[in-house]
Amino acid sequence: MSGEETAVADFVGRFARNPKAGIGEEPETARVVMSRKRLVVAAEDHITIPLSTVVDVVVGNVPADLRDLFDSTVTVGYRTDDDTVETVLIEGGDDTMSKFRTVLFKCLLNGTKARLKHPARIGGRVTDRPVRTAKLSISTERVAFTTKAGTVGIDVTDVVDFERTERAPDGTSRPTLLVRHTDDGQVTMSSLAPSSPRLLNLLGRFLRIEYGRLLSAVAEIDLNEPEKQLLVAVYATDGDVDFANVLDGDAARASNVMNALREKGLIEEGPSGISLTTHGQVVVNQRIDEVNV
């Protein structure tokens, strides 16, 4: 790394190059150094990866035959000069890899441009917000978009779902992310189209890290049938419903079920009434087909 570059990450870890299932070779120890331009894995042989060639970042997904050899990992996929994609799996301590992951995404995404409509929808209503060109910036739990009109953002802990589409906010055909997220108890959707499919993939990976944790958390929540019915009723009516009528007019039973949903962190009460929390939104998205309403 040249003297003109400043290291933003520098630690000793272990790595495997192009790890594949069925190959359980012992990982090598290496010094991992990263600037805002390149990532270097320095062992017996140096691996130098210009960050402009990084096409994918995966956290914690280790081939089955290597899981006994690696703990906290980040796998970086990059395009080589001969237009093939290679990968390097890097391991370190939990705190080290958490910091490295955040710094890596910052180096890859900060300052890149996207076309943005935020929010594009509030509830089921399409907004008249203009489509703007924005610069991205990444922090541990937030994606911010700076436009001439100011800065807006999405807390990744509020993301309840996202999908890829080919219709950009300005109506053109372009790879785009539709991100659904909660805002003061209301579900909104933002439409954002990074300047290249590569950047869209990397931004999607960043969002999926926190969203994956959220899915894991809600997968552990057990719900009985009355709890499912009331949860979907809150979703379907934005909280404006006589909950006792959902459970055959039994007000005391409805009150008990609502308290159980509060204790599980799935609903909350605010100035506008009862609404789903982010966890509640994800539960409904995942399980709505299980309930007949």
Protein backbone atom coordinates (compact mmCIF):
# COMPACT_ATOMS: atom_id res chain seq x y z
CA MET A 1 0.00 0.00 0.00
CA SER A 2 1.51 3.34 -1.07
CA GLY A 3 2.45 6.12 1.33
CA GLU A 4 -0.33 8.29 -0.17
CA GLU A 5 -2.98 5.94 1.20
CA THR A 6 -4.14 5.83 4.80
CA ALA A 7 -5.12 2.51 6.32
CA VAL A 8 -8.71 2.50 7.58
CA ALA A 9 -8.48 -1.12 8.77
CA ASP A 10 -5.41 -3.07 9.91
CA PHE A 11 -5.60 -6.34 11.84
CA VAL A 12 -4.27 -9.89 11.94
CA GLY A 13 -6.76 -12.58 11.02
CA ARG A 14 -7.09 -15.76 9.03
CA PHE A 15 -8.26 -16.28 5.47
CA ALA A 16 -9.12 -18.79 2.78
CA ARG A 17 -9.03 -18.04 -0.92
CA ASN A 18 -11.95 -19.23 -3.06
CA PRO A 19 -13.34 -21.51 -0.30
CA LYS A 20 -15.60 -24.23 -1.62
CA ALA A 21 -17.70 -26.95 -0.04
CA GLY A 22 -15.79 -30.20 0.19
CA ILE A 23 -12.43 -28.49 0.73
CA GLY A 24 -11.45 -28.28 4.38
CA GLU A 25 -7.89 -26.96 4.21
CA GLU A 26 -6.55 -25.18 7.27
CA PRO A 27 -6.93 -21.39 6.96
CA GLU A 28 -3.80 -19.24 6.82
CA THR A 29 -2.88 -16.38 9.13
CA ALA A 30 -2.56 -13.00 7.41
CA ARG A 31 -2.35 -9.29 8.04
CA VAL A 32 -5.42 -7.57 6.58
CA VAL A 33 -4.93 -3.93 5.61
CA MET A 34 -7.50 -1.75 3.84
CA SER A 35 -7.43 1.81 2.52
CA ARG A 36 -10.26 3.62 0.77
CA LYS A 37 -8.89 2.28 -2.53
CA ARG A 38 -7.85 -1.32 -1.93
CA LEU A 39 -7.89 -4.33 0.37
CA VAL A 40 -4.66 -6.27 0.93
CA VAL A 41 -4.47 -9.72 2.52
CA ALA A 42 -0.78 -10.19 3.28
CA ALA A 43 0.38 -13.75 3.90
CA GLU A 44 3.02 -15.81 2.07
CA ASP A 45 1.37 -14.49 -1.08
CA HIS A 46 -0.30 -11.08 -1.18
CA ILE A 47 -3.86 -10.72 -2.38
CA THR A 48 -4.53 -7.15 -3.50
CA ILE A 49 -8.14 -6.24 -4.27
CA PRO A 50 -8.99 -2.79 -5.69
CA LEU A 51 -12.27 -1.85 -4.00
CA SER A 52 -13.64 -0.76 -7.38
CA THR A 53 -13.61 -4.46 -8.38
CA VAL A 54 -15.60 -5.71 -5.34
CA VAL A 55 -18.94 -7.08 -6.50
CA ASP A 56 -20.21 -8.82 -3.35
CA VAL A 57 -19.81 -8.93 0.42
CA VAL A 58 -21.25 -11.81 2.45
CA VAL A 59 -21.21 -11.96 6.24
CA GLY A 60 -21.03 -15.27 8.10
CA ASN A 61 -21.86 -17.63 5.24
CA VAL A 62 -19.15 -20.30 5.40
CA PRO A 63 -19.13 -23.55 3.35
CA ALA A 64 -20.31 -26.45 5.51
CA ASP A 65 -16.96 -28.24 5.51
CA LEU A 66 -15.20 -25.10 6.79
CA ARG A 67 -17.55 -24.17 9.63
CA ASP A 68 -15.41 -25.91 12.23
CA LEU A 69 -12.41 -23.86 11.08
CA PHE A 70 -13.91 -20.34 10.96
CA ASP A 71 -15.94 -18.21 13.35
CA SER A 72 -16.78 -14.55 12.60
CA THR A 73 -16.23 -14.01 8.87
CA VAL A 74 -16.62 -11.63 5.94
CA THR A 75 -16.32 -12.98 2.40
CA VAL A 76 -15.37 -10.51 -0.33
CA GLY A 77 -16.13 -11.30 -3.96
CA TYR A 78 -14.16 -9.38 -6.59
CA ARG A 79 -13.72 -9.36 -10.35
CA THR A 80 -10.26 -10.16 -11.68
CA ASP A 81 -8.49 -8.85 -14.76
CA ASP A 82 -9.66 -11.87 -16.77
CA ASP A 83 -13.30 -11.05 -15.83
CA THR A 84 -13.80 -13.96 -13.44
CA VAL A 85 -15.08 -13.56 -9.88
CA GLU A 86 -12.88 -14.79 -7.05
CA THR A 87 -13.52 -14.72 -3.30
CA VAL A 88 -11.49 -14.36 -0.15
CA LEU A 89 -12.96 -15.35 3.22
CA ILE A 90 -11.54 -13.33 6.12
CA GLU A 91 -11.91 -14.26 9.79
CA GLY A 92 -11.23 -12.30 12.98
CA GLY A 93 -12.68 -11.63 16.42
CA ASP A 94 -16.34 -10.64 16.64
CA ASP A 95 -15.63 -6.98 17.46
CA THR A 96 -12.90 -6.74 14.84
CA MET A 97 -15.05 -8.19 12.08
CA SER A 98 -18.05 -6.05 13.04
CA LYS A 99 -15.92 -2.92 12.68
CA PHE A 100 -14.27 -4.21 9.50
CA ARG A 101 -17.66 -4.96 7.94
CA THR A 102 -18.92 -1.43 8.60
CA VAL A 103 -15.73 0.23 7.36
CA LEU A 104 -15.74 -1.96 4.23
CA PHE A 105 -19.29 -0.96 3.30
CA LYS A 106 -18.45 2.70 3.98
CA CYS A 107 -15.49 2.52 1.61
CA LEU A 108 -17.57 0.79 -1.05
CA LEU A 109 -20.71 2.95 -0.84
CA ASN A 110 -19.98 6.34 0.70
CA GLY A 111 -20.14 9.12 -1.87
CA THR A 112 -21.78 6.99 -4.55
CA LYS A 113 -24.87 8.33 -6.27
CA ALA A 114 -28.43 7.08 -6.55
CA ARG A 115 -31.77 8.26 -7.86
CA LEU A 116 -34.12 8.48 -4.91
CA LYS A 117 -37.80 8.89 -4.12
CA HIS A 118 -38.19 9.02 -0.33
CA PRO A 119 -40.77 8.04 0.60
CA ALA A 120 -42.40 6.75 -2.55
CA ARG A 121 -45.37 5.42 -0.57
CA ILE A 122 -46.82 6.05 2.87
CA GLY A 123 -49.04 3.14 3.79
CA GLY A 124 -50.87 2.40 0.54
CA ARG A 125 -50.71 5.98 -0.74
CA VAL A 126 -48.32 7.04 -3.50
CA THR A 127 -46.61 10.29 -2.55
CA ASP A 128 -45.85 13.29 -4.74
CA ARG A 129 -42.26 13.51 -3.52
CA PRO A 130 -39.85 14.46 -6.31
CA VAL A 131 -37.19 12.11 -7.62
CA ARG A 132 -33.77 13.44 -6.67
CA THR A 133 -30.14 12.55 -7.21
CA ALA A 134 -28.54 11.76 -3.85
CA LYS A 135 -25.14 10.86 -2.44
CA LEU A 136 -25.09 7.84 -0.14
CA SER A 137 -23.39 7.58 3.22
CA ILE A 138 -23.31 4.52 5.47
CA SER A 139 -23.07 4.24 9.23
CA THR A 140 -23.42 1.22 11.49
CA GLU A 141 -27.22 1.24 11.41
CA ARG A 142 -28.25 3.85 8.88
CA VAL A 143 -28.21 4.70 5.18
CA ALA A 144 -28.34 8.44 4.58
CA PHE A 145 -29.08 10.23 1.29
CA THR A 146 -27.86 13.79 0.78
CA THR A 147 -29.61 15.88 -1.88
CA LYS A 148 -29.70 19.60 -2.65
CA ALA A 149 -32.81 19.77 -0.47
CA GLY A 150 -31.09 18.22 2.57
CA THR A 151 -30.34 14.81 4.06
CA VAL A 152 -32.82 11.99 4.71
CA GLY A 153 -32.15 8.46 5.88
CA ILE A 154 -33.35 4.96 6.63
CA ASP A 155 -32.44 3.22 9.86
CA VAL A 156 -31.62 -0.34 8.85
CA THR A 157 -33.17 -1.58 12.10
CA ASP A 158 -36.50 -0.23 10.76
CA VAL A 159 -36.35 -2.17 7.46
CA VAL A 160 -39.18 -4.70 7.26
CA ASP A 161 -38.74 -5.87 3.67
CA PHE A 162 -37.03 -5.00 0.42
CA GLU A 163 -37.03 -6.25 -3.13
CA ARG A 164 -35.35 -5.60 -6.43
CA THR A 165 -37.23 -4.24 -9.41
CA GLU A 166 -36.24 -2.98 -12.85
CA ARG A 167 -38.32 0.21 -12.68
CA ALA A 168 -36.41 3.20 -11.33
CA PRO A 169 -38.01 6.07 -9.37
CA ASP A 170 -37.94 8.28 -12.49
CA GLY A 171 -39.82 5.65 -14.53
CA THR A 172 -36.80 4.46 -16.51
CA SER A 173 -35.71 0.83 -16.74
CA ARG A 174 -32.89 0.44 -14.22
CA PRO A 175 -32.08 -1.94 -11.33
CA THR A 176 -33.78 -0.48 -8.24
CA LEU A 177 -34.37 -1.36 -4.60
CA LEU A 178 -37.82 -0.92 -3.07
CA VAL A 179 -37.25 -0.66 0.68
CA ARG A 180 -40.17 -0.92 3.10
CA HIS A 181 -39.43 0.50 6.53
CA THR A 182 -41.30 1.78 9.57
CA ASP A 183 -41.49 5.47 10.40
CA ASP A 184 -43.28 6.46 13.64
CA GLY A 185 -45.33 3.28 13.52
CA GLN A 186 -46.29 3.67 9.85
CA VAL A 187 -44.92 1.59 7.00
CA THR A 188 -43.38 3.62 4.21
CA MET A 189 -41.60 2.57 1.04
CA SER A 190 -38.61 4.27 -0.52
CA SER A 191 -37.40 3.68 -4.07
CA LEU A 192 -33.69 4.01 -4.78
CA ALA A 193 -31.62 3.25 -7.84
CA PRO A 194 -27.82 3.28 -7.32
CA SER A 195 -25.71 4.28 -10.29
CA SER A 196 -24.78 0.68 -11.22
CA PRO A 197 -26.05 -2.89 -10.66
CA ARG A 198 -22.83 -3.57 -8.70
CA LEU A 199 -23.61 -0.80 -6.20
CA LEU A 200 -27.23 -1.93 -5.95
CA ASN A 201 -26.04 -5.43 -5.02
CA LEU A 202 -23.66 -4.07 -2.38
CA LEU A 203 -26.32 -1.81 -0.86
CA GLY A 204 -28.72 -4.75 -0.78
CA ARG A 205 -26.09 -6.82 1.04
CA PHE A 206 -25.65 -4.05 3.63
CA LEU A 207 -29.39 -3.89 4.28
CA ARG A 208 -29.69 -7.67 4.40
CA ILE A 209 -27.22 -7.98 7.29
CA GLU A 210 -29.54 -6.25 9.75
CA TYR A 211 -32.67 -7.63 8.07
CA GLY A 212 -31.25 -11.16 8.44
CA ARG A 213 -30.83 -10.58 12.16
CA LEU A 214 -34.41 -9.37 12.34
CA LEU A 215 -35.68 -12.49 10.55
CA SER A 216 -33.73 -14.68 12.96
CA ALA A 217 -35.22 -12.84 15.94
CA VAL A 218 -38.83 -13.09 14.78
CA ALA A 219 -38.38 -16.75 13.86
CA GLU A 220 -37.98 -17.42 17.59
CA ILE A 221 -41.33 -15.80 18.47
CA ASP A 222 -44.15 -18.28 19.11
CA LEU A 223 -47.69 -17.10 18.41
CA ASN A 224 -50.97 -18.80 19.15
CA GLU A 225 -53.98 -18.41 16.86
CA PRO A 226 -55.66 -15.49 18.72
CA GLU A 227 -52.35 -13.58 18.75
CA LYS A 228 -51.96 -14.09 15.01
CA GLN A 229 -55.53 -12.90 14.40
CA LEU A 230 -55.09 -9.71 16.40
CA LEU A 231 -51.70 -8.99 14.89
CA VAL A 232 -53.07 -9.22 11.37
CA ALA A 233 -56.09 -7.11 12.42
CA VAL A 234 -53.73 -4.32 13.53
CA TYR A 235 -51.89 -4.63 10.20
CA ALA A 236 -55.07 -4.63 8.10
CA THR A 237 -56.75 -1.68 9.83
CA ASP A 238 -53.76 0.42 10.93
CA GLY A 239 -54.91 -0.17 14.50
CA ASP A 240 -58.40 1.26 13.95
CA VAL A 241 -60.39 -1.84 14.91
CA ASP A 242 -62.57 -3.12 17.74
CA PHE A 243 -60.22 -5.89 18.87
CA ALA A 244 -62.85 -7.62 20.98
CA ASN A 245 -64.90 -8.27 17.84
CA VAL A 246 -61.93 -10.09 16.31
CA LEU A 247 -62.14 -12.64 19.13
CA ASP A 248 -65.90 -13.25 19.17
CA GLY A 249 -66.70 -10.25 21.33
CA ASP A 250 -64.65 -11.40 24.33
CA ALA A 251 -63.16 -8.09 25.54
CA ALA A 252 -61.24 -9.59 28.47
CA ARG A 253 -59.66 -12.21 26.22
CA ALA A 254 -58.75 -9.55 23.64
CA SER A 255 -57.10 -7.43 26.34
CA ASN A 256 -54.99 -10.40 27.47
CA VAL A 257 -53.93 -11.16 23.92
CA MET A 258 -52.99 -7.53 23.28
CA ASN A 259 -50.87 -7.50 26.44
CA ALA A 260 -49.12 -10.66 25.25
CA LEU A 261 -48.33 -9.01 21.89
CA ARG A 262 -46.92 -5.97 23.70
CA GLU A 263 -44.71 -8.18 25.87
CA LYS A 264 -43.39 -9.92 22.75
CA GLY A 265 -42.49 -6.53 21.26
CA LEU A 266 -44.86 -6.83 18.30
CA ILE A 267 -47.20 -3.88 18.93
CA GLU A 268 -46.86 -0.48 20.55
CA GLU A 269 -49.07 2.47 21.42
CA GLY A 270 -48.34 6.00 20.29
CA PRO A 271 -50.19 9.29 19.81
CA SER A 272 -52.07 7.86 16.83
CA GLY A 273 -53.05 4.61 18.60
CA ILE A 274 -51.87 1.04 18.32
CA SER A 275 -49.40 0.09 15.61
CA LEU A 276 -47.04 -2.72 14.71
CA THR A 277 -43.40 -2.51 15.71
CA THR A 278 -40.73 -3.37 13.15
CA HIS A 279 -40.71 -6.93 14.55
CA GLY A 280 -44.49 -7.02 14.24
CA GLN A 281 -44.36 -5.91 10.61
CA VAL A 282 -41.84 -8.62 9.77
CA VAL A 283 -43.89 -11.29 11.56
CA VAL A 284 -46.99 -10.32 9.56
CA ASN A 285 -45.00 -10.27 6.31
CA GLN A 286 -43.67 -13.76 7.05
CA ARG A 287 -46.84 -15.36 8.43
CA ILE A 288 -49.83 -13.54 7.01
CA ASP A 289 -50.73 -16.57 4.87
CA GLU A 290 -51.17 -18.64 8.04
CA VAL A 291 -54.19 -16.58 9.16
CA ASN A 292 -57.65 -16.32 7.66
CA VAL A 293 -59.17 -12.87 8.29
